[in-house]
Amino acid sequence: MEKKVFIKTFGCQMNEYDTNRMFDIVKKIGFVKTENQENAECYILNTCHIRDKAKEKVYHEIGRVKKIYNKKKKTNFNSSWLCRSG
């Protein structure tokens, strides 16, 4: 059975680039992308530290992911990576 990762990006184009690199890493250990949070064993939320709106959005998303995570018996890992360019 394939392991699924849900990745959501907040912020600028650099965050999009970083998200693609993160996926390249988890792909090497057997993960495939899913657009459905309910199906994911792994969640990656990538946000910008500079843009306040992106920070606020990720806090709300963490709350949604936490509800899904609490329903599951086991999740591989939760991760929030911050980009601080400039």
PDB file of N, CA and C in Angstrom:
ATOM      1  N   MET A   1       0.829  -1.183   0.000  1.00  0.00           N
ATOM      2  CA  MET A   1       0.000   0.000   0.000  1.00  0.00           C
ATOM      3  C   MET A   1       0.878   1.253   0.000  1.00  0.00           C
ATOM      4  N   GLU A   2       0.508   2.222  -0.818  1.00  0.00           N
ATOM      5  CA  GLU A   2       1.277   3.459  -0.917  1.00  0.00           C
ATOM      6  C   GLU A   2       1.036   4.357   0.291  1.00  0.00           C
ATOM      7  N   LYS A   3       2.112   4.996   0.737  1.00  0.00           N
ATOM      8  CA  LYS A   3       1.989   6.005   1.780  1.00  0.00           C
ATOM      9  C   LYS A   3       1.657   7.324   1.089  1.00  0.00           C
ATOM     10  N   LYS A   4       0.728   8.078   1.669  1.00  0.00           N
ATOM     11  CA  LYS A   4       0.289   9.314   1.030  1.00  0.00           C
ATOM     12  C   LYS A   4       0.686  10.522   1.860  1.00  0.00           C
ATOM     13  N   VAL A   5       1.114  11.577   1.143  1.00  0.00           N
ATOM     14  CA  VAL A   5       1.487  12.835   1.784  1.00  0.00           C
ATOM     15  C   VAL A   5       0.580  13.935   1.240  1.00  0.00           C
ATOM     16  N   PHE A   6       0.088  14.764   2.144  1.00  0.00           N
ATOM     17  CA  PHE A   6      -0.678  15.949   1.775  1.00  0.00           C
ATOM     18  C   PHE A   6       0.209  17.147   2.045  1.00  0.00           C
ATOM     19  N   ILE A   7       0.435  17.959   1.019  1.00  0.00           N
ATOM     20  CA  ILE A   7       1.297  19.129   1.162  1.00  0.00           C
ATOM     21  C   ILE A   7       0.488  20.372   0.802  1.00  0.00           C
ATOM     22  N   LYS A   8       0.533  21.363   1.683  1.00  0.00           N
ATOM     23  CA  LYS A   8      -0.143  22.629   1.414  1.00  0.00           C
ATOM     24  C   LYS A   8       0.864  23.749   1.603  1.00  0.00           C
ATOM     25  N   THR A   9       0.854  24.692   0.671  1.00  0.00           N
ATOM     26  CA  THR A   9       1.829  25.774   0.663  1.00  0.00           C
ATOM     27  C   THR A   9       1.138  27.116   0.851  1.00  0.00           C
ATOM     28  N   PHE A  10       1.710  27.939   1.695  1.00  0.00           N
ATOM     29  CA  PHE A  10       1.234  29.300   1.923  1.00  0.00           C
ATOM     30  C   PHE A  10       2.412  30.234   1.685  1.00  0.00           C
ATOM     31  N   GLY A  11       2.204  31.346   1.009  1.00  0.00           N
ATOM     32  CA  GLY A  11       3.284  32.314   0.844  1.00  0.00           C
ATOM     33  C   GLY A  11       3.633  32.573  -0.602  1.00  0.00           C
ATOM     34  N   CYS A  12       4.913  32.740  -0.859  1.00  0.00           N
ATOM     35  CA  CYS A  12       5.399  33.219  -2.150  1.00  0.00           C
ATOM     36  C   CYS A  12       5.868  32.074  -3.058  1.00  0.00           C
ATOM     37  N   GLN A  13       6.401  32.453  -4.208  1.00  0.00           N
ATOM     38  CA  GLN A  13       6.905  31.461  -5.165  1.00  0.00           C
ATOM     39  C   GLN A  13       8.054  30.643  -4.595  1.00  0.00           C
ATOM     40  N   MET A  14       8.840  31.243  -3.735  1.00  0.00           N
ATOM     41  CA  MET A  14       9.941  30.505  -3.110  1.00  0.00           C
ATOM     42  C   MET A  14       9.381  29.363  -2.271  1.00  0.00           C
ATOM     43  N   ASN A  15       8.245  29.598  -1.615  1.00  0.00           N
ATOM     44  CA  ASN A  15       7.609  28.535  -0.847  1.00  0.00           C
ATOM     45  C   ASN A  15       7.164  27.406  -1.776  1.00  0.00           C
ATOM     46  N   GLU A  16       6.652  27.748  -2.943  1.00  0.00           N
ATOM     47  CA  GLU A  16       6.253  26.728  -3.918  1.00  0.00           C
ATOM     48  C   GLU A  16       7.460  25.886  -4.324  1.00  0.00           C
ATOM     49  N   TYR A  17       8.576  26.543  -4.581  1.00  0.00           N
ATOM     50  CA  TYR A  17       9.807  25.847  -4.941  1.00  0.00           C
ATOM     51  C   TYR A  17      10.227  24.902  -3.805  1.00  0.00           C
ATOM     52  N   ASP A  18      10.208  25.408  -2.575  1.00  0.00           N
ATOM     53  CA  ASP A  18      10.586  24.588  -1.417  1.00  0.00           C
ATOM     54  C   ASP A  18       9.658  23.390  -1.252  1.00  0.00           C
ATOM     55  N   THR A  19       8.368  23.601  -1.487  1.00  0.00           N
ATOM     56  CA  THR A  19       7.403  22.512  -1.387  1.00  0.00           C
ATOM     57  C   THR A  19       7.739  21.405  -2.381  1.00  0.00           C
ATOM     58  N   ASN A  20       8.094  21.789  -3.593  1.00  0.00           N
ATOM     59  CA  ASN A  20       8.481  20.777  -4.586  1.00  0.00           C
ATOM     60  C   ASN A  20       9.714  20.006  -4.146  1.00  0.00           C
ATOM     61  N   ARG A  21      10.659  20.687  -3.518  1.00  0.00           N
ATOM     62  CA  ARG A  21      11.859  19.991  -3.027  1.00  0.00           C
ATOM     63  C   ARG A  21      11.497  19.051  -1.872  1.00  0.00           C
ATOM     64  N   MET A  22      10.588  19.492  -1.000  1.00  0.00           N
ATOM     65  CA  MET A  22      10.152  18.628   0.103  1.00  0.00           C
ATOM     66  C   MET A  22       9.498  17.364  -0.437  1.00  0.00           C
ATOM     67  N   PHE A  23       8.670  17.534  -1.470  1.00  0.00           N
ATOM     68  CA  PHE A  23       8.035  16.361  -2.051  1.00  0.00           C
ATOM     69  C   PHE A  23       9.084  15.434  -2.660  1.00  0.00           C
ATOM     70  N   ASP A  24      10.088  15.995  -3.324  1.00  0.00           N
ATOM     71  CA  ASP A  24      11.157  15.165  -3.883  1.00  0.00           C
ATOM     72  C   ASP A  24      11.796  14.295  -2.797  1.00  0.00           C
ATOM     73  N   ILE A  25      11.946  14.840  -1.601  1.00  0.00           N
ATOM     74  CA  ILE A  25      12.560  14.102  -0.498  1.00  0.00           C
ATOM     75  C   ILE A  25      11.656  12.967  -0.018  1.00  0.00           C
ATOM     76  N   VAL A  26      10.380  13.277   0.245  1.00  0.00           N
ATOM     77  CA  VAL A  26       9.495  12.231   0.767  1.00  0.00           C
ATOM     78  C   VAL A  26       9.138  11.195  -0.296  1.00  0.00           C
ATOM     79  N   LYS A  27       9.198  11.589  -1.549  1.00  0.00           N
ATOM     80  CA  LYS A  27       8.957  10.653  -2.655  1.00  0.00           C
ATOM     81  C   LYS A  27      10.013   9.537  -2.639  1.00  0.00           C
ATOM     82  N   LYS A  28      11.245   9.894  -2.296  1.00  0.00           N
ATOM     83  CA  LYS A  28      12.336   8.918  -2.248  1.00  0.00           C
ATOM     84  C   LYS A  28      12.117   7.850  -1.171  1.00  0.00           C
ATOM     85  N   ILE A  29      11.292   8.159  -0.176  1.00  0.00           N
ATOM     86  CA  ILE A  29      11.028   7.173   0.866  1.00  0.00           C
ATOM     87  C   ILE A  29       9.636   6.550   0.708  1.00  0.00           C
ATOM     88  N   GLY A  30       9.070   6.699  -0.498  1.00  0.00           N
ATOM     89  CA  GLY A  30       7.864   5.951  -0.835  1.00  0.00           C
ATOM     90  C   GLY A  30       6.534   6.666  -0.756  1.00  0.00           C
ATOM     91  N   PHE A  31       6.532   7.981  -0.571  1.00  0.00           N
ATOM     92  CA  PHE A  31       5.264   8.703  -0.496  1.00  0.00           C
ATOM     93  C   PHE A  31       4.796   9.161  -1.870  1.00  0.00           C
ATOM     94  N   VAL A  32       3.480   9.183  -2.043  1.00  0.00           N
ATOM     95  CA  VAL A  32       2.851   9.773  -3.223  1.00  0.00           C
ATOM     96  C   VAL A  32       1.957  10.909  -2.740  1.00  0.00           C
ATOM     97  N   LYS A  33       1.753  11.918  -3.598  1.00  0.00           N
ATOM     98  CA  LYS A  33       0.912  13.058  -3.217  1.00  0.00           C
ATOM     99  C   LYS A  33      -0.553  12.680  -3.229  1.00  0.00           C
ATOM    100  N   THR A  34      -1.295  13.274  -2.311  1.00  0.00           N
ATOM    101  CA  THR A  34      -2.743  13.189  -2.312  1.00  0.00           C
ATOM    102  C   THR A  34      -3.297  14.590  -2.121  1.00  0.00           C
ATOM    103  N   GLU A  35      -4.428  14.866  -2.746  1.00  0.00           N
ATOM    104  CA  GLU A  35      -5.099  16.145  -2.566  1.00  0.00           C
ATOM    105  C   GLU A  35      -6.155  16.051  -1.468  1.00  0.00           C
ATOM    106  N   ASN A  36      -6.346  14.861  -0.934  1.00  0.00           N
ATOM    107  CA  ASN A  36      -7.361  14.617   0.078  1.00  0.00           C
ATOM    108  C   ASN A  36      -6.687  14.436   1.437  1.00  0.00           C
ATOM    109  N   GLN A  37      -6.880  15.395   2.320  1.00  0.00           N
ATOM    110  CA  GLN A  37      -6.247  15.332   3.646  1.00  0.00           C
ATOM    111  C   GLN A  37      -6.640  14.083   4.415  1.00  0.00           C
ATOM    112  N   GLU A  38      -7.854  13.624   4.227  1.00  0.00           N
ATOM    113  CA  GLU A  38      -8.353  12.460   4.969  1.00  0.00           C
ATOM    114  C   GLU A  38      -7.554  11.194   4.647  1.00  0.00           C
ATOM    115  N   ASN A  39      -6.971  11.119   3.445  1.00  0.00           N
ATOM    116  CA  ASN A  39      -6.232   9.928   3.013  1.00  0.00           C
ATOM    117  C   ASN A  39      -4.755   9.966   3.370  1.00  0.00           C
ATOM    118  N   ALA A  40      -4.279  11.066   3.900  1.00  0.00           N
ATOM    119  CA  ALA A  40      -2.834  11.251   4.112  1.00  0.00           C
ATOM    120  C   ALA A  40      -2.347  10.598   5.403  1.00  0.00           C
ATOM    121  N   GLU A  41      -1.170  10.003   5.306  1.00  0.00           N
ATOM    122  CA  GLU A  41      -0.453   9.522   6.488  1.00  0.00           C
ATOM    123  C   GLU A  41       0.542  10.576   6.957  1.00  0.00           C
ATOM    124  N   CYS A  42       0.852  11.516   6.086  1.00  0.00           N
ATOM    125  CA  CYS A  42       1.848  12.548   6.362  1.00  0.00           C
ATOM    126  C   CYS A  42       1.285  13.893   5.903  1.00  0.00           C
ATOM    127  N   TYR A  43       1.462  14.920   6.724  1.00  0.00           N
ATOM    128  CA  TYR A  43       1.024  16.270   6.389  1.00  0.00           C
ATOM    129  C   TYR A  43       2.230  17.194   6.416  1.00  0.00           C
ATOM    130  N   ILE A  44       2.389  17.973   5.368  1.00  0.00           N
ATOM    131  CA  ILE A  44       3.431  18.994   5.354  1.00  0.00           C
ATOM    132  C   ILE A  44       2.752  20.325   5.058  1.00  0.00           C
ATOM    133  N   LEU A  45       2.920  21.269   5.966  1.00  0.00           N
ATOM    134  CA  LEU A  45       2.415  22.622   5.784  1.00  0.00           C
ATOM    135  C   LEU A  45       3.624  23.536   5.671  1.00  0.00           C
ATOM    136  N   ASN A  46       3.791  24.129   4.514  1.00  0.00           N
ATOM    137  CA  ASN A  46       4.944  24.985   4.252  1.00  0.00           C
ATOM    138  C   ASN A  46       4.463  26.426   4.176  1.00  0.00           C
ATOM    139  N   THR A  47       5.017  27.281   5.018  1.00  0.00           N
ATOM    140  CA  THR A  47       4.558  28.663   5.056  1.00  0.00           C
ATOM    141  C   THR A  47       5.709  29.648   5.075  1.00  0.00           C
ATOM    142  N   CYS A  48       5.345  30.890   4.922  1.00  0.00           N
ATOM    143  CA  CYS A  48       6.288  32.000   4.908  1.00  0.00           C
ATOM    144  C   CYS A  48       6.309  32.661   6.276  1.00  0.00           C
ATOM    145  N   HIS A  49       7.473  32.929   6.778  1.00  0.00           N
ATOM    146  CA  HIS A  49       7.606  33.589   8.084  1.00  0.00           C
ATOM    147  C   HIS A  49       7.436  35.107   7.959  1.00  0.00           C
ATOM    148  N   ILE A  50       7.641  35.637   6.785  1.00  0.00           N
ATOM    149  CA  ILE A  50       7.613  37.086   6.568  1.00  0.00           C
ATOM    150  C   ILE A  50       6.184  37.608   6.390  1.00  0.00           C
ATOM    151  N   ARG A  51       5.390  36.900   5.622  1.00  0.00           N
ATOM    152  CA  ARG A  51       4.046  37.375   5.296  1.00  0.00           C
ATOM    153  C   ARG A  51       3.055  36.984   6.393  1.00  0.00           C
ATOM    154  N   ASP A  52       2.485  37.994   7.033  1.00  0.00           N
ATOM    155  CA  ASP A  52       1.567  37.753   8.156  1.00  0.00           C
ATOM    156  C   ASP A  52       0.333  36.960   7.735  1.00  0.00           C
ATOM    157  N   LYS A  53      -0.202  37.243   6.561  1.00  0.00           N
ATOM    158  CA  LYS A  53      -1.396  36.532   6.115  1.00  0.00           C
ATOM    159  C   LYS A  53      -1.111  35.036   5.965  1.00  0.00           C
ATOM    160  N   ALA A  54       0.049  34.694   5.437  1.00  0.00           N
ATOM    161  CA  ALA A  54       0.434  33.286   5.292  1.00  0.00           C
ATOM    162  C   ALA A  54       0.556  32.623   6.656  1.00  0.00           C
ATOM    163  N   LYS A  55       1.129  33.339   7.629  1.00  0.00           N
ATOM    164  CA  LYS A  55       1.255  32.784   8.980  1.00  0.00           C
ATOM    165  C   LYS A  55      -0.115  32.505   9.582  1.00  0.00           C
ATOM    166  N   GLU A  56      -1.031  33.433   9.437  1.00  0.00           N
ATOM    167  CA  GLU A  56      -2.377  33.247   9.984  1.00  0.00           C
ATOM    168  C   GLU A  56      -3.081  32.064   9.325  1.00  0.00           C
ATOM    169  N   LYS A  57      -2.928  31.941   8.015  1.00  0.00           N
ATOM    170  CA  LYS A  57      -3.569  30.838   7.296  1.00  0.00           C
ATOM    171  C   LYS A  57      -3.046  29.488   7.776  1.00  0.00           C
ATOM    172  N   VAL A  58      -1.756  29.394   8.015  1.00  0.00           N
ATOM    173  CA  VAL A  58      -1.203  28.111   8.439  1.00  0.00           C
ATOM    174  C   VAL A  58      -1.673  27.745   9.842  1.00  0.00           C
ATOM    175  N   TYR A  59      -1.876  28.725  10.711  1.00  0.00           N
ATOM    176  CA  TYR A  59      -2.400  28.420  12.045  1.00  0.00           C
ATOM    177  C   TYR A  59      -3.797  27.809  11.948  1.00  0.00           C
ATOM    178  N   HIS A  60      -4.620  28.357  11.067  1.00  0.00           N
ATOM    179  CA  HIS A  60      -5.965  27.806  10.870  1.00  0.00           C
ATOM    180  C   HIS A  60      -5.886  26.397  10.278  1.00  0.00           C
ATOM    181  N   GLU A  61      -4.968  26.207   9.355  1.00  0.00           N
ATOM    182  CA  GLU A  61      -4.803  24.885   8.735  1.00  0.00           C
ATOM    183  C   GLU A  61      -4.327  23.853   9.749  1.00  0.00           C
ATOM    184  N   ILE A  62      -3.455  24.251  10.644  1.00  0.00           N
ATOM    185  CA  ILE A  62      -2.987  23.334  11.688  1.00  0.00           C
ATOM    186  C   ILE A  62      -4.165  22.843  12.521  1.00  0.00           C
ATOM    187  N   GLY A  63      -5.111  23.721  12.806  1.00  0.00           N
ATOM    188  CA  GLY A  63      -6.307  23.322  13.547  1.00  0.00           C
ATOM    189  C   GLY A  63      -7.121  22.288  12.788  1.00  0.00           C
ATOM    190  N   ARG A  64      -7.261  22.469  11.469  1.00  0.00           N
ATOM    191  CA  ARG A  64      -8.000  21.497  10.657  1.00  0.00           C
ATOM    192  C   ARG A  64      -7.267  20.157  10.599  1.00  0.00           C
ATOM    193  N   VAL A  65      -5.954  20.210  10.426  1.00  0.00           N
ATOM    194  CA  VAL A  65      -5.164  18.979  10.355  1.00  0.00           C
ATOM    195  C   VAL A  65      -5.218  18.253  11.703  1.00  0.00           C
ATOM    196  N   LYS A  66      -5.182  18.998  12.783  1.00  0.00           N
ATOM    197  CA  LYS A  66      -5.226  18.387  14.124  1.00  0.00           C
ATOM    198  C   LYS A  66      -6.503  17.568  14.301  1.00  0.00           C
ATOM    199  N   LYS A  67      -7.632  18.075  13.819  1.00  0.00           N
ATOM    200  CA  LYS A  67      -8.893  17.329  13.916  1.00  0.00           C
ATOM    201  C   LYS A  67      -8.810  16.018  13.145  1.00  0.00           C
ATOM    202  N   ILE A  68      -8.233  16.061  11.956  1.00  0.00           N
ATOM    203  CA  ILE A  68      -8.074  14.843  11.144  1.00  0.00           C
ATOM    204  C   ILE A  68      -7.110  13.893  11.832  1.00  0.00           C
ATOM    205  N   TYR A  69      -5.983  14.426  12.302  1.00  0.00           N
ATOM    206  CA  TYR A  69      -4.950  13.635  12.973  1.00  0.00           C
ATOM    207  C   TYR A  69      -5.515  12.908  14.185  1.00  0.00           C
ATOM    208  N   ASN A  70      -6.345  13.597  14.965  1.00  0.00           N
ATOM    209  CA  ASN A  70      -6.904  13.000  16.175  1.00  0.00           C
ATOM    210  C   ASN A  70      -7.863  11.855  15.870  1.00  0.00           C
ATOM    211  N   LYS A  71      -8.472  11.848  14.684  1.00  0.00           N
ATOM    212  CA  LYS A  71      -9.380  10.766  14.289  1.00  0.00           C
ATOM    213  C   LYS A  71      -8.618   9.509  13.881  1.00  0.00           C
ATOM    214  N   LYS A  72      -7.376   9.687  13.450  1.00  0.00           N
ATOM    215  CA  LYS A  72      -6.586   8.558  12.958  1.00  0.00           C
ATOM    216  C   LYS A  72      -5.896   7.839  14.107  1.00  0.00           C
ATOM    217  N   LYS A  73      -5.659   6.546  13.894  1.00  0.00           N
ATOM    218  CA  LYS A  73      -4.953   5.766  14.911  1.00  0.00           C
ATOM    219  C   LYS A  73      -3.463   6.046  14.889  1.00  0.00           C
ATOM    220  N   LYS A  74      -2.928   6.246  13.682  1.00  0.00           N
ATOM    221  CA  LYS A  74      -1.489   6.454  13.566  1.00  0.00           C
ATOM    222  C   LYS A  74      -1.203   7.325  12.352  1.00  0.00           C
ATOM    223  N   THR A  75      -0.362   8.325  12.529  1.00  0.00           N
ATOM    224  CA  THR A  75       0.098   9.174  11.441  1.00  0.00           C
ATOM    225  C   THR A  75       1.616   9.212  11.523  1.00  0.00           C
ATOM    226  N   ASN A  76       2.290   9.150  10.385  1.00  0.00           N
ATOM    227  CA  ASN A  76       3.751   9.085  10.381  1.00  0.00           C
ATOM    228  C   ASN A  76       4.393  10.323  10.989  1.00  0.00           C
ATOM    229  N   PHE A  77       4.036  11.495  10.495  1.00  0.00           N
ATOM    230  CA  PHE A  77       4.569  12.701  11.101  1.00  0.00           C
ATOM    231  C   PHE A  77       3.804  13.926  10.628  1.00  0.00           C
ATOM    232  N   ASN A  78       3.833  14.934  11.461  1.00  0.00           N
ATOM    233  CA  ASN A  78       3.306  16.257  11.132  1.00  0.00           C
ATOM    234  C   ASN A  78       4.501  17.170  10.988  1.00  0.00           C
ATOM    235  N   SER A  79       4.456  18.061  10.021  1.00  0.00           N
ATOM    236  CA  SER A  79       5.589  18.938   9.822  1.00  0.00           C
ATOM    237  C   SER A  79       5.123  20.301   9.351  1.00  0.00           C
ATOM    238  N   SER A  80       5.720  21.324   9.874  1.00  0.00           N
ATOM    239  CA  SER A  80       5.498  22.681   9.393  1.00  0.00           C
ATOM    240  C   SER A  80       6.867  23.294   9.174  1.00  0.00           C
ATOM    241  N   TRP A  81       7.173  23.615   7.930  1.00  0.00           N
ATOM    242  CA  TRP A  81       8.472  24.188   7.606  1.00  0.00           C
ATOM    243  C   TRP A  81       8.281  25.649   7.265  1.00  0.00           C
ATOM    244  N   LEU A  82       9.130  26.496   7.782  1.00  0.00           N
ATOM    245  CA  LEU A  82       9.012  27.918   7.555  1.00  0.00           C
ATOM    246  C   LEU A  82      10.120  28.403   6.638  1.00  0.00           C
ATOM    247  N   CYS A  83       9.734  29.269   5.726  1.00  0.00           N
ATOM    248  CA  CYS A  83      10.708  29.889   4.834  1.00  0.00           C
ATOM    249  C   CYS A  83      10.928  31.319   5.302  1.00  0.00           C
ATOM    250  N   ARG A  84      12.160  31.688   5.411  1.00  0.00           N
ATOM    251  CA  ARG A  84      12.467  33.090   5.748  1.00  0.00           C
ATOM    252  C   ARG A  84      13.529  33.579   4.784  1.00  0.00           C
ATOM    253  N   SER A  85      13.072  33.991   3.607  1.00  0.00           N
ATOM    254  CA  SER A  85      14.031  34.501   2.621  1.00  0.00           C
ATOM    255  C   SER A  85      14.190  35.992   2.807  1.00  0.00           C
ATOM    256  N   GLY A  86      15.314  36.478   2.386  1.00  0.00           N
ATOM    257  CA  GLY A  86      15.521  37.917   2.450  1.00  0.00           C
ATOM    258  C   GLY A  86      16.453  38.345   3.535  1.00  0.00           C
TER     259      GLY A  86
END
